[in-house]
C-alpha atoms as a PDB file:
ATOM      1  CA  MET A   1       0.029  -0.057  -0.073  1.00  0.00           C
ATOM      2  CA  LYS A   2       1.323   3.354  -0.937  1.00  0.00           C
ATOM      3  CA  ARG A   3       2.370   5.841   1.923  1.00  0.00           C
ATOM      4  CA  SER A   4      -0.403   8.439   0.984  1.00  0.00           C
ATOM      5  CA  ALA A   5      -3.058   5.633   0.975  1.00  0.00           C
ATOM      6  CA  ARG A   6      -1.983   4.526   4.510  1.00  0.00           C
ATOM      7  CA  ILE A   7      -2.038   8.064   5.868  1.00  0.00           C
ATOM      8  CA  SER A   8      -5.523   8.632   4.466  1.00  0.00           C
ATOM      9  CA  MET A   9      -6.750   5.295   6.010  1.00  0.00           C
ATOM     10  CA  VAL A  10      -5.274   6.158   9.412  1.00  0.00           C
ATOM     11  CA  ALA A  11      -6.782   9.718   9.463  1.00  0.00           C
ATOM     12  CA  GLY A  12     -10.124   8.459   8.380  1.00  0.00           C
ATOM     13  CA  THR A  13     -10.057   5.734  11.012  1.00  0.00           C
ATOM     14  CA  ALA A  14      -8.948   8.340  13.667  1.00  0.00           C
ATOM     15  CA  ALA A  15     -11.973  10.765  12.638  1.00  0.00           C
ATOM     16  CA  VAL A  16     -14.502   7.839  12.974  1.00  0.00           C
ATOM     17  CA  ILE A  17     -13.128   6.972  16.396  1.00  0.00           C
ATOM     18  CA  THR A  18     -13.250  10.641  17.526  1.00  0.00           C
ATOM     19  CA  LEU A  19     -16.777  10.901  16.318  1.00  0.00           C
ATOM     20  CA  ALA A  20     -17.893   7.720  18.129  1.00  0.00           C
ATOM     21  CA  LEU A  21     -16.194   8.991  21.339  1.00  0.00           C
ATOM     22  CA  ALA A  22     -17.881  12.441  21.257  1.00  0.00           C
ATOM     23  CA  PRO A  23     -20.197  13.292  24.038  1.00  0.00           C
ATOM     24  CA  ILE A  24     -23.876  13.013  22.987  1.00  0.00           C
ATOM     25  CA  ALA A  25     -26.306  15.705  24.188  1.00  0.00           C
ATOM     26  CA  GLU A  26     -29.182  13.868  25.842  1.00  0.00           C
ATOM     27  CA  ALA A  27     -32.376  15.656  26.514  1.00  0.00           C
ATOM     28  CA  ASN A  28     -32.929  14.288  30.180  1.00  0.00           C
ATOM     29  CA  TRP A  29     -30.231  13.095  32.586  1.00  0.00           C
ATOM     30  CA  ASP A  30     -29.191  12.821  36.137  1.00  0.00           C
ATOM     31  CA  SER A  31     -25.885  13.018  37.888  1.00  0.00           C
ATOM     32  CA  SER A  32     -24.056  14.435  40.892  1.00  0.00           C
ATOM     33  CA  ILE A  33     -21.409  17.060  41.458  1.00  0.00           C
ATOM     34  CA  THR A  34     -18.359  16.653  43.652  1.00  0.00           C
ATOM     35  CA  ALA A  35     -16.116  19.586  44.818  1.00  0.00           C
ATOM     36  CA  ALA A  36     -17.025  22.061  42.022  1.00  0.00           C
ATOM     37  CA  SER A  37     -15.738  25.505  41.905  1.00  0.00           C
ATOM     38  CA  VAL A  38     -17.397  28.595  40.312  1.00  0.00           C
ATOM     39  CA  GLY A  39     -17.300  28.166  36.609  1.00  0.00           C
ATOM     40  CA  PHE A  40     -18.065  24.454  36.636  1.00  0.00           C
ATOM     41  CA  GLU A  41     -19.782  23.456  33.407  1.00  0.00           C
ATOM     42  CA  SER A  42     -22.242  20.660  33.265  1.00  0.00           C
ATOM     43  CA  ARG A  43     -22.390  18.138  30.343  1.00  0.00           C
ATOM     44  CA  ARG A  44     -24.581  19.292  27.323  1.00  0.00           C
ATOM     45  CA  TRP A  45     -28.330  18.480  26.522  1.00  0.00           C
ATOM     46  CA  THR A  46     -30.406  19.165  23.639  1.00  0.00           C
ATOM     47  CA  ASP A  47     -33.731  20.900  24.070  1.00  0.00           C
ATOM     48  CA  GLU A  48     -35.909  23.814  23.001  1.00  0.00           C
ATOM     49  CA  LEU A  49     -37.942  26.285  24.875  1.00  0.00           C
ATOM     50  CA  TYR A  50     -37.898  24.808  28.459  1.00  0.00           C
ATOM     51  CA  SER A  51     -35.400  23.243  30.792  1.00  0.00           C
ATOM     52  CA  GLN A  52     -35.539  22.458  34.692  1.00  0.00           C
ATOM     53  CA  ILE A  53     -32.484  21.739  36.739  1.00  0.00           C
ATOM     54  CA  THR A  54     -33.051  20.340  40.228  1.00  0.00           C
ATOM     55  CA  PHE A  55     -30.492  19.860  42.893  1.00  0.00           C
ATOM     56  CA  HIS A  56     -30.947  17.543  45.909  1.00  0.00           C
ATOM     57  CA  GLY A  57     -28.514  17.736  48.790  1.00  0.00           C
ATOM     58  CA  CYS A  58     -26.128  20.664  48.448  1.00  0.00           C
ATOM     59  CA  HIS A  59     -22.922  20.987  50.561  1.00  0.00           C
ATOM     60  CA  THR A  60     -20.258  23.670  50.616  1.00  0.00           C
ATOM     61  CA  ASP A  61     -17.450  24.967  53.065  1.00  0.00           C
ATOM     62  CA  GLY A  62     -20.039  27.164  54.792  1.00  0.00           C
ATOM     63  CA  ALA A  63     -21.987  28.908  52.052  1.00  0.00           C
ATOM     64  CA  LYS A  64     -25.720  28.319  51.911  1.00  0.00           C
ATOM     65  CA  SER A  65     -26.476  29.161  48.266  1.00  0.00           C
ATOM     66  CA  THR A  66     -25.356  28.708  44.704  1.00  0.00           C
ATOM     67  CA  ASP A  67     -26.301  30.582  41.524  1.00  0.00           C
ATOM     68  CA  VAL A  68     -26.898  28.338  38.519  1.00  0.00           C
ATOM     69  CA  GLN A  69     -26.901  29.787  34.943  1.00  0.00           C
ATOM     70  CA  VAL A  70     -28.090  28.152  31.700  1.00  0.00           C
ATOM     71  CA  TRP A  71     -25.941  28.670  28.587  1.00  0.00           C
ATOM     72  CA  ASN A  72     -26.713  28.036  24.936  1.00  0.00           C
ATOM     73  CA  ASP A  73     -23.709  26.112  23.470  1.00  0.00           C
ATOM     74  CA  ILE A  74     -23.047  27.801  20.158  1.00  0.00           C
ATOM     75  CA  SER A  75     -20.343  26.290  17.767  1.00  0.00           C
ATOM     76  CA  LEU A  76     -17.717  28.803  16.560  1.00  0.00           C
ATOM     77  CA  ALA A  77     -19.379  31.694  18.236  1.00  0.00           C
ATOM     78  CA  PRO A  78     -19.747  32.918  21.802  1.00  0.00           C
ATOM     79  CA  ASP A  79     -22.209  30.973  23.973  1.00  0.00           C
ATOM     80  CA  LYS A  80     -25.366  32.793  24.936  1.00  0.00           C
ATOM     81  CA  ALA A  81     -26.234  33.114  28.665  1.00  0.00           C
ATOM     82  CA  TYR A  82     -29.670  33.129  30.171  1.00  0.00           C
ATOM     83  CA  ASP A  83     -30.810  34.230  33.577  1.00  0.00           C
ATOM     84  CA  ALA A  84     -29.167  32.732  36.762  1.00  0.00           C
ATOM     85  CA  LYS A  85     -31.346  31.163  39.536  1.00  0.00           C
ATOM     86  CA  THR A  86     -30.189  31.142  43.044  1.00  0.00           C
ATOM     87  CA  TYR A  87     -30.690  27.711  44.820  1.00  0.00           C
ATOM     88  CA  THR A  88     -30.797  27.813  48.668  1.00  0.00           C
ATOM     89  CA  ALA A  89     -33.340  24.972  49.742  1.00  0.00           C
ATOM     90  CA  CYS A  90     -31.024  22.188  48.899  1.00  0.00           C
ATOM     91  CA  PHE A  91     -28.676  23.258  51.640  1.00  0.00           C
ATOM     92  CA  ASN A  92     -31.066  22.389  54.475  1.00  0.00           C
ATOM     93  CA  GLY A  93     -32.225  19.048  53.330  1.00  0.00           C
ATOM     94  CA  GLY A  94     -34.702  20.309  50.703  1.00  0.00           C
ATOM     95  CA  VAL A  95     -34.775  20.515  47.000  1.00  0.00           C
ATOM     96  CA  SER A  96     -33.893  23.554  44.925  1.00  0.00           C
ATOM     97  CA  ASN A  97     -34.805  23.932  41.229  1.00  0.00           C
ATOM     98  CA  GLY A  98     -34.729  26.448  38.506  1.00  0.00           C
ATOM     99  CA  GLU A  99     -36.822  26.560  35.330  1.00  0.00           C
ATOM    100  CA  TRP A 100     -35.832  28.261  32.141  1.00  0.00           C
ATOM    101  CA  THR A 101     -38.768  28.857  29.857  1.00  0.00           C
ATOM    102  CA  ASP A 102     -37.347  31.650  27.658  1.00  0.00           C
ATOM    103  CA  LEU A 103     -35.057  29.398  25.629  1.00  0.00           C
ATOM    104  CA  PRO A 104     -35.297  29.836  21.799  1.00  0.00           C
ATOM    105  CA  SER A 105     -37.206  27.401  19.671  1.00  0.00           C
ATOM    106  CA  GLY A 106     -35.354  24.915  17.574  1.00  0.00           C
ATOM    107  CA  MET A 107     -33.278  22.159  19.130  1.00  0.00           C
ATOM    108  CA  ARG A 108     -30.269  23.502  20.564  1.00  0.00           C
ATOM    109  CA  ASP A 109     -27.414  22.299  22.986  1.00  0.00           C
ATOM    110  CA  TYR A 110     -27.455  23.681  26.557  1.00  0.00           C
ATOM    111  CA  TYR A 111     -25.352  23.278  29.642  1.00  0.00           C
ATOM    112  CA  PHE A 112     -25.442  24.875  33.067  1.00  0.00           C
ATOM    113  CA  LYS A 113     -22.632  26.669  34.747  1.00  0.00           C
ATOM    114  CA  ILE A 114     -22.075  27.369  38.553  1.00  0.00           C
ATOM    115  CA  ALA A 115     -22.030  31.235  38.429  1.00  0.00           C
ATOM    116  CA  LYS A 116     -21.517  31.814  42.286  1.00  0.00           C
ATOM    117  CA  ILE A 117     -21.274  29.911  45.349  1.00  0.00           C
ATOM    118  CA  GLY A 118     -22.417  31.816  48.514  1.00  0.00           C
ATOM    119  CA  GLY A 119     -22.668  34.958  46.503  1.00  0.00           C
ATOM    120  CA  SER A 120     -19.032  34.902  45.563  1.00  0.00           C
ATOM    121  CA  THR A 121     -17.259  34.259  42.242  1.00  0.00           C
ATOM    122  CA  PHE A 122     -14.414  32.489  44.165  1.00  0.00           C
ATOM    123  CA  GLY A 123     -13.830  30.510  47.263  1.00  0.00           C
ATOM    124  CA  PRO A 124     -15.986  27.433  48.419  1.00  0.00           C
ATOM    125  CA  GLN A 125     -16.553  24.410  46.406  1.00  0.00           C
ATOM    126  CA  LEU A 126     -19.943  22.852  45.820  1.00  0.00           C
ATOM    127  CA  THR A 127     -21.085  19.266  46.079  1.00  0.00           C
ATOM    128  CA  VAL A 128     -24.681  18.124  44.995  1.00  0.00           C
ATOM    129  CA  ASP A 129     -25.701  14.587  46.083  1.00  0.00           C
ATOM    130  CA  TYR A 130     -28.169  14.258  43.062  1.00  0.00           C
ATOM    131  CA  LEU A 131     -29.144  16.459  40.212  1.00  0.00           C
ATOM    132  CA  VAL A 132     -31.639  16.110  37.420  1.00  0.00           C
ATOM    133  CA  VAL A 133     -31.923  17.946  34.170  1.00  0.00           C
ATOM    134  CA  ASP A 134     -35.502  17.600  32.779  1.00  0.00           C
ATOM    135  CA  THR A 135     -36.758  18.912  29.515  1.00  0.00           C
ATOM    136  CA  THR A 136     -40.162  17.058  29.465  1.00  0.00           C
ATOM    137  CA  LYS A 137     -42.467  19.802  30.113  1.00  0.00           C
ATOM    138  CA  ALA A 138     -44.472  20.455  26.910  1.00  0.00           C
ATOM    139  CA  ASP A 139     -42.432  22.524  24.574  1.00  0.00           C
ATOM    140  CA  GLY A 140     -44.390  24.929  22.455  1.00  0.00           C
END
């Protein structure tokens, strides 16, 4: 086999493997967060119009709130931010959630980012025992 043909075959195989290993943006998912700092980004999900993010069991080094902000992941352009929600109930054994209903129509990729912990953009780390991203409220 010629050298150029081998290079093409290797490059093509590498591209297929990379695509196969790329993260898939699921619509609904659950997870947890361990020792996240401000700026932590969640995995991506695909939705339109509505997303709800629920935290169960929040813990920090003393802070009793965290601000969660949803972002639209836009390829080859700056991502678009939507309003931040302050979560407080999950720190005392309850459940905190935020709903974003102003998202644009058309399937898009979103993620959330921890914007503040305890009102600060630096300092404590956040752990969430269980979190749910739910997009099942009727869109449209």
